[in-house]
Amino acid sequence: MWISSEGNRRNRIAPDTAEIGLAIAARAHFITDIAADRRHRDYNIGERQVEQLLNAHDYWEISPGYWQPRTQR
């Protein structure tokens, strides 16, 4: 599942944690911006929110921008 989020701008919408949660419950893999290129720029707060959410649900970035559950069922 490819995922992106809005950056630091007026009237930004935060990531939809309910929808992301459904994908996490289904053990989906995620494709995000990579840390080195975009995710850690000051503007990209939404991308960092997604990163924190994935980390909190025991996902890990197995290659730049590619996330999967740490444990397989």
PDB file of N, CA and C in Angstrom:
ATOM      1  N   MET A   1       0.846  -1.168   0.000  1.00  0.00           N
ATOM      2  CA  MET A   1       0.000   0.000   0.000  1.00  0.00           C
ATOM      3  C   MET A   1       0.890   1.229   0.000  1.00  0.00           C
ATOM      4  N   TRP A   2       0.701   2.101  -0.959  1.00  0.00           N
ATOM      5  CA  TRP A   2       1.447   3.340  -1.007  1.00  0.00           C
ATOM      6  C   TRP A   2       0.745   4.337  -0.105  1.00  0.00           C
ATOM      7  N   ILE A   3       1.530   5.091   0.678  1.00  0.00           N
ATOM      8  CA  ILE A   3       0.933   6.043   1.606  1.00  0.00           C
ATOM      9  C   ILE A   3       1.720   7.342   1.578  1.00  0.00           C
ATOM     10  N   SER A   4       0.998   8.447   1.630  1.00  0.00           N
ATOM     11  CA  SER A   4       1.611   9.764   1.674  1.00  0.00           C
ATOM     12  C   SER A   4       0.758  10.640   2.574  1.00  0.00           C
ATOM     13  N   SER A   5       1.336  11.721   3.047  1.00  0.00           N
ATOM     14  CA  SER A   5       0.626  12.588   3.966  1.00  0.00           C
ATOM     15  C   SER A   5       1.003  14.037   3.708  1.00  0.00           C
ATOM     16  N   GLU A   6       0.136  14.946   4.104  1.00  0.00           N
ATOM     17  CA  GLU A   6       0.367  16.366   3.866  1.00  0.00           C
ATOM     18  C   GLU A   6       1.480  16.913   4.736  1.00  0.00           C
ATOM     19  N   GLY A   7       2.161  17.888   4.196  1.00  0.00           N
ATOM     20  CA  GLY A   7       3.241  18.550   4.910  1.00  0.00           C
ATOM     21  C   GLY A   7       2.741  19.701   5.774  1.00  0.00           C
ATOM     22  N   ASN A   8       3.691  20.431   6.324  1.00  0.00           N
ATOM     23  CA  ASN A   8       3.419  21.516   7.251  1.00  0.00           C
ATOM     24  C   ASN A   8       2.925  22.747   6.494  1.00  0.00           C
ATOM     25  N   ARG A   9       1.611  22.855   6.365  1.00  0.00           N
ATOM     26  CA  ARG A   9       1.010  24.002   5.689  1.00  0.00           C
ATOM     27  C   ARG A   9      -0.312  24.324   6.360  1.00  0.00           C
ATOM     28  N   ARG A  10      -0.827  25.477   6.088  1.00  0.00           N
ATOM     29  CA  ARG A  10      -2.094  25.894   6.671  1.00  0.00           C
ATOM     30  C   ARG A  10      -3.209  24.965   6.195  1.00  0.00           C
ATOM     31  N   ASN A  11      -4.112  24.635   7.103  1.00  0.00           N
ATOM     32  CA  ASN A  11      -5.276  23.778   6.824  1.00  0.00           C
ATOM     33  C   ASN A  11      -4.906  22.356   6.428  1.00  0.00           C
ATOM     34  N   ARG A  12      -3.735  21.907   6.840  1.00  0.00           N
ATOM     35  CA  ARG A  12      -3.321  20.542   6.503  1.00  0.00           C
ATOM     36  C   ARG A  12      -4.240  19.538   7.193  1.00  0.00           C
ATOM     37  N   ILE A  13      -4.355  18.398   6.611  1.00  0.00           N
ATOM     38  CA  ILE A  13      -5.140  17.303   7.172  1.00  0.00           C
ATOM     39  C   ILE A  13      -4.167  16.242   7.659  1.00  0.00           C
ATOM     40  N   ALA A  14      -4.307  15.839   8.903  1.00  0.00           N
ATOM     41  CA  ALA A  14      -3.439  14.815   9.488  1.00  0.00           C
ATOM     42  C   ALA A  14      -3.713  13.469   8.810  1.00  0.00           C
ATOM     43  N   PRO A  15      -2.744  12.553   8.888  1.00  0.00           N
ATOM     44  CA  PRO A  15      -2.963  11.217   8.319  1.00  0.00           C
ATOM     45  C   PRO A  15      -4.215  10.567   8.930  1.00  0.00           C
ATOM     46  N   ASP A  16      -4.928   9.818   8.126  1.00  0.00           N
ATOM     47  CA  ASP A  16      -6.146   9.134   8.572  1.00  0.00           C
ATOM     48  C   ASP A  16      -5.752   7.867   9.328  1.00  0.00           C
ATOM     49  N   THR A  17      -5.602   8.004  10.634  1.00  0.00           N
ATOM     50  CA  THR A  17      -5.115   6.881  11.438  1.00  0.00           C
ATOM     51  C   THR A  17      -6.091   5.706  11.454  1.00  0.00           C
ATOM     52  N   ALA A  18      -7.379   5.976  11.292  1.00  0.00           N
ATOM     53  CA  ALA A  18      -8.353   4.877  11.251  1.00  0.00           C
ATOM     54  C   ALA A  18      -8.129   4.011  10.010  1.00  0.00           C
ATOM     55  N   GLU A  19      -7.945   4.641   8.861  1.00  0.00           N
ATOM     56  CA  GLU A  19      -7.703   3.891   7.622  1.00  0.00           C
ATOM     57  C   GLU A  19      -6.358   3.176   7.660  1.00  0.00           C
ATOM     58  N   ILE A  20      -5.352   3.862   8.159  1.00  0.00           N
ATOM     59  CA  ILE A  20      -4.033   3.234   8.281  1.00  0.00           C
ATOM     60  C   ILE A  20      -4.123   2.049   9.241  1.00  0.00           C
ATOM     61  N   GLY A  21      -4.894   2.215  10.310  1.00  0.00           N
ATOM     62  CA  GLY A  21      -5.087   1.124  11.271  1.00  0.00           C
ATOM     63  C   GLY A  21      -5.713  -0.106  10.645  1.00  0.00           C
ATOM     64  N   LEU A  22      -6.665   0.096   9.732  1.00  0.00           N
ATOM     65  CA  LEU A  22      -7.264  -1.051   9.028  1.00  0.00           C
ATOM     66  C   LEU A  22      -6.222  -1.793   8.200  1.00  0.00           C
ATOM     67  N   ALA A  23      -5.366  -1.037   7.527  1.00  0.00           N
ATOM     68  CA  ALA A  23      -4.305  -1.661   6.736  1.00  0.00           C
ATOM     69  C   ALA A  23      -3.305  -2.379   7.636  1.00  0.00           C
ATOM     70  N   ILE A  24      -2.995  -1.792   8.772  1.00  0.00           N
ATOM     71  CA  ILE A  24      -2.089  -2.437   9.727  1.00  0.00           C
ATOM     72  C   ILE A  24      -2.704  -3.742  10.239  1.00  0.00           C
ATOM     73  N   ALA A  25      -3.994  -3.710  10.560  1.00  0.00           N
ATOM     74  CA  ALA A  25      -4.680  -4.917  11.037  1.00  0.00           C
ATOM     75  C   ALA A  25      -4.660  -6.022   9.987  1.00  0.00           C
ATOM     76  N   ALA A  26      -4.649  -5.627   8.722  1.00  0.00           N
ATOM     77  CA  ALA A  26      -4.590  -6.604   7.626  1.00  0.00           C
ATOM     78  C   ALA A  26      -3.160  -7.023   7.311  1.00  0.00           C
ATOM     79  N   ARG A  27      -2.198  -6.501   8.074  1.00  0.00           N
ATOM     80  CA  ARG A  27      -0.773  -6.823   7.918  1.00  0.00           C
ATOM     81  C   ARG A  27      -0.236  -6.381   6.549  1.00  0.00           C
ATOM     82  N   ALA A  28      -0.753  -5.253   6.067  1.00  0.00           N
ATOM     83  CA  ALA A  28      -0.315  -4.706   4.783  1.00  0.00           C
ATOM     84  C   ALA A  28       1.139  -4.262   4.860  1.00  0.00           C
ATOM     85  N   HIS A  29       1.776  -4.228   3.725  1.00  0.00           N
ATOM     86  CA  HIS A  29       3.102  -3.628   3.592  1.00  0.00           C
ATOM     87  C   HIS A  29       2.874  -2.211   3.073  1.00  0.00           C
ATOM     88  N   PHE A  30       3.764  -1.290   3.432  1.00  0.00           N
ATOM     89  CA  PHE A  30       3.592   0.112   3.065  1.00  0.00           C
ATOM     90  C   PHE A  30       4.783   0.631   2.279  1.00  0.00           C
ATOM     91  N   ILE A  31       4.511   1.526   1.361  1.00  0.00           N
ATOM     92  CA  ILE A  31       5.556   2.255   0.649  1.00  0.00           C
ATOM     93  C   ILE A  31       5.382   3.729   1.010  1.00  0.00           C
ATOM     94  N   THR A  32       6.458   4.333   1.522  1.00  0.00           N
ATOM     95  CA  THR A  32       6.434   5.724   1.960  1.00  0.00           C
ATOM     96  C   THR A  32       7.587   6.483   1.310  1.00  0.00           C
ATOM     97  N   ASP A  33       7.619   7.787   1.570  1.00  0.00           N
ATOM     98  CA  ASP A  33       8.815   8.548   1.204  1.00  0.00           C
ATOM     99  C   ASP A  33      10.001   7.957   1.955  1.00  0.00           C
ATOM    100  N   ILE A  34      11.179   8.089   1.383  1.00  0.00           N
ATOM    101  CA  ILE A  34      12.367   7.600   2.084  1.00  0.00           C
ATOM    102  C   ILE A  34      12.896   8.683   3.013  1.00  0.00           C
ATOM    103  N   ALA A  35      13.512   8.266   4.097  1.00  0.00           N
ATOM    104  CA  ALA A  35      13.993   9.200   5.114  1.00  0.00           C
ATOM    105  C   ALA A  35      15.039  10.147   4.564  1.00  0.00           C
ATOM    106  N   ALA A  36      15.977   9.633   3.818  1.00  0.00           N
ATOM    107  CA  ALA A  36      17.105  10.442   3.356  1.00  0.00           C
ATOM    108  C   ALA A  36      16.674  11.540   2.385  1.00  0.00           C
ATOM    109  N   ASP A  37      15.688  11.269   1.577  1.00  0.00           N
ATOM    110  CA  ASP A  37      15.317  12.213   0.528  1.00  0.00           C
ATOM    111  C   ASP A  37      14.234  13.195   0.951  1.00  0.00           C
ATOM    112  N   ARG A  38      13.235  12.723   1.630  1.00  0.00           N
ATOM    113  CA  ARG A  38      12.085  13.589   1.889  1.00  0.00           C
ATOM    114  C   ARG A  38      11.519  13.500   3.298  1.00  0.00           C
ATOM    115  N   ARG A  39      11.425  12.346   3.861  1.00  0.00           N
ATOM    116  CA  ARG A  39      10.649  12.161   5.083  1.00  0.00           C
ATOM    117  C   ARG A  39      11.130  13.027   6.236  1.00  0.00           C
ATOM    118  N   HIS A  40      12.416  13.300   6.322  1.00  0.00           N
ATOM    119  CA  HIS A  40      12.934  14.049   7.466  1.00  0.00           C
ATOM    120  C   HIS A  40      13.176  15.523   7.177  1.00  0.00           C
ATOM    121  N   ARG A  41      12.674  16.031   6.063  1.00  0.00           N
ATOM    122  CA  ARG A  41      12.724  17.472   5.810  1.00  0.00           C
ATOM    123  C   ARG A  41      11.738  18.153   6.755  1.00  0.00           C
ATOM    124  N   ASP A  42      12.028  19.374   7.155  1.00  0.00           N
ATOM    125  CA  ASP A  42      11.183  20.099   8.100  1.00  0.00           C
ATOM    126  C   ASP A  42       9.716  20.139   7.678  1.00  0.00           C
ATOM    127  N   TYR A  43       9.468  20.298   6.408  1.00  0.00           N
ATOM    128  CA  TYR A  43       8.108  20.432   5.890  1.00  0.00           C
ATOM    129  C   TYR A  43       7.277  19.158   6.058  1.00  0.00           C
ATOM    130  N   ASN A  44       7.891  18.005   6.002  1.00  0.00           N
ATOM    131  CA  ASN A  44       7.171  16.730   5.883  1.00  0.00           C
ATOM    132  C   ASN A  44       6.741  16.143   7.221  1.00  0.00           C
ATOM    133  N   ILE A  45       6.001  16.919   7.995  1.00  0.00           N
ATOM    134  CA  ILE A  45       5.574  16.415   9.309  1.00  0.00           C
ATOM    135  C   ILE A  45       4.585  15.255   9.187  1.00  0.00           C
ATOM    136  N   GLY A  46       3.754  15.257   8.167  1.00  0.00           N
ATOM    137  CA  GLY A  46       2.811  14.157   7.976  1.00  0.00           C
ATOM    138  C   GLY A  46       3.515  12.842   7.712  1.00  0.00           C
ATOM    139  N   GLU A  47       4.594  12.894   6.940  1.00  0.00           N
ATOM    140  CA  GLU A  47       5.367  11.676   6.659  1.00  0.00           C
ATOM    141  C   GLU A  47       5.985  11.121   7.951  1.00  0.00           C
ATOM    142  N   ARG A  48       6.427  12.016   8.812  1.00  0.00           N
ATOM    143  CA  ARG A  48       6.985  11.569  10.097  1.00  0.00           C
ATOM    144  C   ARG A  48       5.898  11.003  11.002  1.00  0.00           C
ATOM    145  N   GLN A  49       4.674  11.538  10.927  1.00  0.00           N
ATOM    146  CA  GLN A  49       3.566  10.976  11.699  1.00  0.00           C
ATOM    147  C   GLN A  49       3.276   9.542  11.256  1.00  0.00           C
ATOM    148  N   VAL A  50       3.294   9.308   9.964  1.00  0.00           N
ATOM    149  CA  VAL A  50       3.086   7.956   9.445  1.00  0.00           C
ATOM    150  C   VAL A  50       4.202   7.035   9.931  1.00  0.00           C
ATOM    151  N   GLU A  51       5.438   7.510   9.861  1.00  0.00           N
ATOM    152  CA  GLU A  51       6.579   6.725  10.336  1.00  0.00           C
ATOM    153  C   GLU A  51       6.406   6.349  11.804  1.00  0.00           C
ATOM    154  N   GLN A  52       6.000   7.291  12.635  1.00  0.00           N
ATOM    155  CA  GLN A  52       5.804   7.027  14.061  1.00  0.00           C
ATOM    156  C   GLN A  52       4.682   6.013  14.275  1.00  0.00           C
ATOM    157  N   LEU A  53       3.616   6.131  13.507  1.00  0.00           N
ATOM    158  CA  LEU A  53       2.502   5.190  13.622  1.00  0.00           C
ATOM    159  C   LEU A  53       2.938   3.776  13.252  1.00  0.00           C
ATOM    160  N   LEU A  54       3.679   3.651  12.169  1.00  0.00           N
ATOM    161  CA  LEU A  54       4.155   2.320  11.769  1.00  0.00           C
ATOM    162  C   LEU A  54       5.107   1.743  12.815  1.00  0.00           C
ATOM    163  N   ASN A  55       6.010   2.564  13.307  1.00  0.00           N
ATOM    164  CA  ASN A  55       6.923   2.092  14.359  1.00  0.00           C
ATOM    165  C   ASN A  55       6.157   1.646  15.605  1.00  0.00           C
ATOM    166  N   ALA A  56       5.124   2.379  15.971  1.00  0.00           N
ATOM    167  CA  ALA A  56       4.326   2.050  17.157  1.00  0.00           C
ATOM    168  C   ALA A  56       3.579   0.725  17.002  1.00  0.00           C
ATOM    169  N   HIS A  57       3.352   0.306  15.760  1.00  0.00           N
ATOM    170  CA  HIS A  57       2.658  -0.956  15.495  1.00  0.00           C
ATOM    171  C   HIS A  57       3.615  -2.054  15.052  1.00  0.00           C
ATOM    172  N   ASP A  58       4.862  -1.914  15.443  1.00  0.00           N
ATOM    173  CA  ASP A  58       5.886  -2.937  15.233  1.00  0.00           C
ATOM    174  C   ASP A  58       6.161  -3.235  13.762  1.00  0.00           C
ATOM    175  N   TYR A  59       6.162  -2.176  12.968  1.00  0.00           N
ATOM    176  CA  TYR A  59       6.612  -2.272  11.580  1.00  0.00           C
ATOM    177  C   TYR A  59       8.067  -1.847  11.523  1.00  0.00           C
ATOM    178  N   TRP A  60       8.771  -2.313  10.519  1.00  0.00           N
ATOM    179  CA  TRP A  60      10.150  -1.872  10.325  1.00  0.00           C
ATOM    180  C   TRP A  60      10.389  -1.623   8.857  1.00  0.00           C
ATOM    181  N   GLU A  61      11.312  -0.737   8.602  1.00  0.00           N
ATOM    182  CA  GLU A  61      11.643  -0.330   7.240  1.00  0.00           C
ATOM    183  C   GLU A  61      12.735  -1.255   6.727  1.00  0.00           C
ATOM    184  N   ILE A  62      12.348  -2.236   5.916  1.00  0.00           N
ATOM    185  CA  ILE A  62      13.307  -3.255   5.490  1.00  0.00           C
ATOM    186  C   ILE A  62      14.224  -2.755   4.379  1.00  0.00           C
ATOM    187  N   SER A  63      13.782  -1.749   3.647  1.00  0.00           N
ATOM    188  CA  SER A  63      14.605  -1.049   2.670  1.00  0.00           C
ATOM    189  C   SER A  63      14.040   0.366   2.584  1.00  0.00           C
ATOM    190  N   PRO A  64      14.768   1.307   2.047  1.00  0.00           N
ATOM    191  CA  PRO A  64      14.289   2.690   2.060  1.00  0.00           C
ATOM    192  C   PRO A  64      12.866   2.847   1.511  1.00  0.00           C
ATOM    193  N   GLY A  65      11.963   3.263   2.395  1.00  0.00           N
ATOM    194  CA  GLY A  65      10.582   3.503   2.013  1.00  0.00           C
ATOM    195  C   GLY A  65       9.692   2.286   1.957  1.00  0.00           C
ATOM    196  N   TYR A  66      10.188   1.100   2.283  1.00  0.00           N
ATOM    197  CA  TYR A  66       9.376  -0.122   2.239  1.00  0.00           C
ATOM    198  C   TYR A  66       9.252  -0.696   3.642  1.00  0.00           C
ATOM    199  N   TRP A  67       8.033  -0.746   4.142  1.00  0.00           N
ATOM    200  CA  TRP A  67       7.749  -1.171   5.519  1.00  0.00           C
ATOM    201  C   TRP A  67       6.952  -2.465   5.531  1.00  0.00           C
ATOM    202  N   GLN A  68       7.272  -3.321   6.487  1.00  0.00           N
ATOM    203  CA  GLN A  68       6.491  -4.541   6.681  1.00  0.00           C
ATOM    204  C   GLN A  68       6.407  -4.833   8.172  1.00  0.00           C
ATOM    205  N   PRO A  69       5.428  -5.662   8.578  1.00  0.00           N
ATOM    206  CA  PRO A  69       5.319  -6.027   9.997  1.00  0.00           C
ATOM    207  C   PRO A  69       6.602  -6.726  10.432  1.00  0.00           C
ATOM    208  N   ARG A  70       7.046  -6.405  11.642  1.00  0.00           N
ATOM    209  CA  ARG A  70       8.263  -7.025  12.168  1.00  0.00           C
ATOM    210  C   ARG A  70       8.075  -8.522  12.371  1.00  0.00           C
ATOM    211  N   THR A  71       6.907  -8.907  12.811  1.00  0.00           N
ATOM    212  CA  THR A  71       6.613 -10.332  13.042  1.00  0.00           C
ATOM    213  C   THR A  71       5.567 -10.788  12.042  1.00  0.00           C
ATOM    214  N   GLN A  72       5.754 -11.947  11.510  1.00  0.00           N
ATOM    215  CA  GLN A  72       4.791 -12.518  10.560  1.00  0.00           C
ATOM    216  C   GLN A  72       3.869 -13.465  11.306  1.00  0.00           C
ATOM    217  N   ARG A  73       2.625 -13.493  10.923  1.00  0.00           N
ATOM    218  CA  ARG A  73       1.655 -14.410  11.549  1.00  0.00           C
ATOM    219  C   ARG A  73       1.659 -15.738  10.852  1.00  0.00           C
TER     220      ARG A  73
END
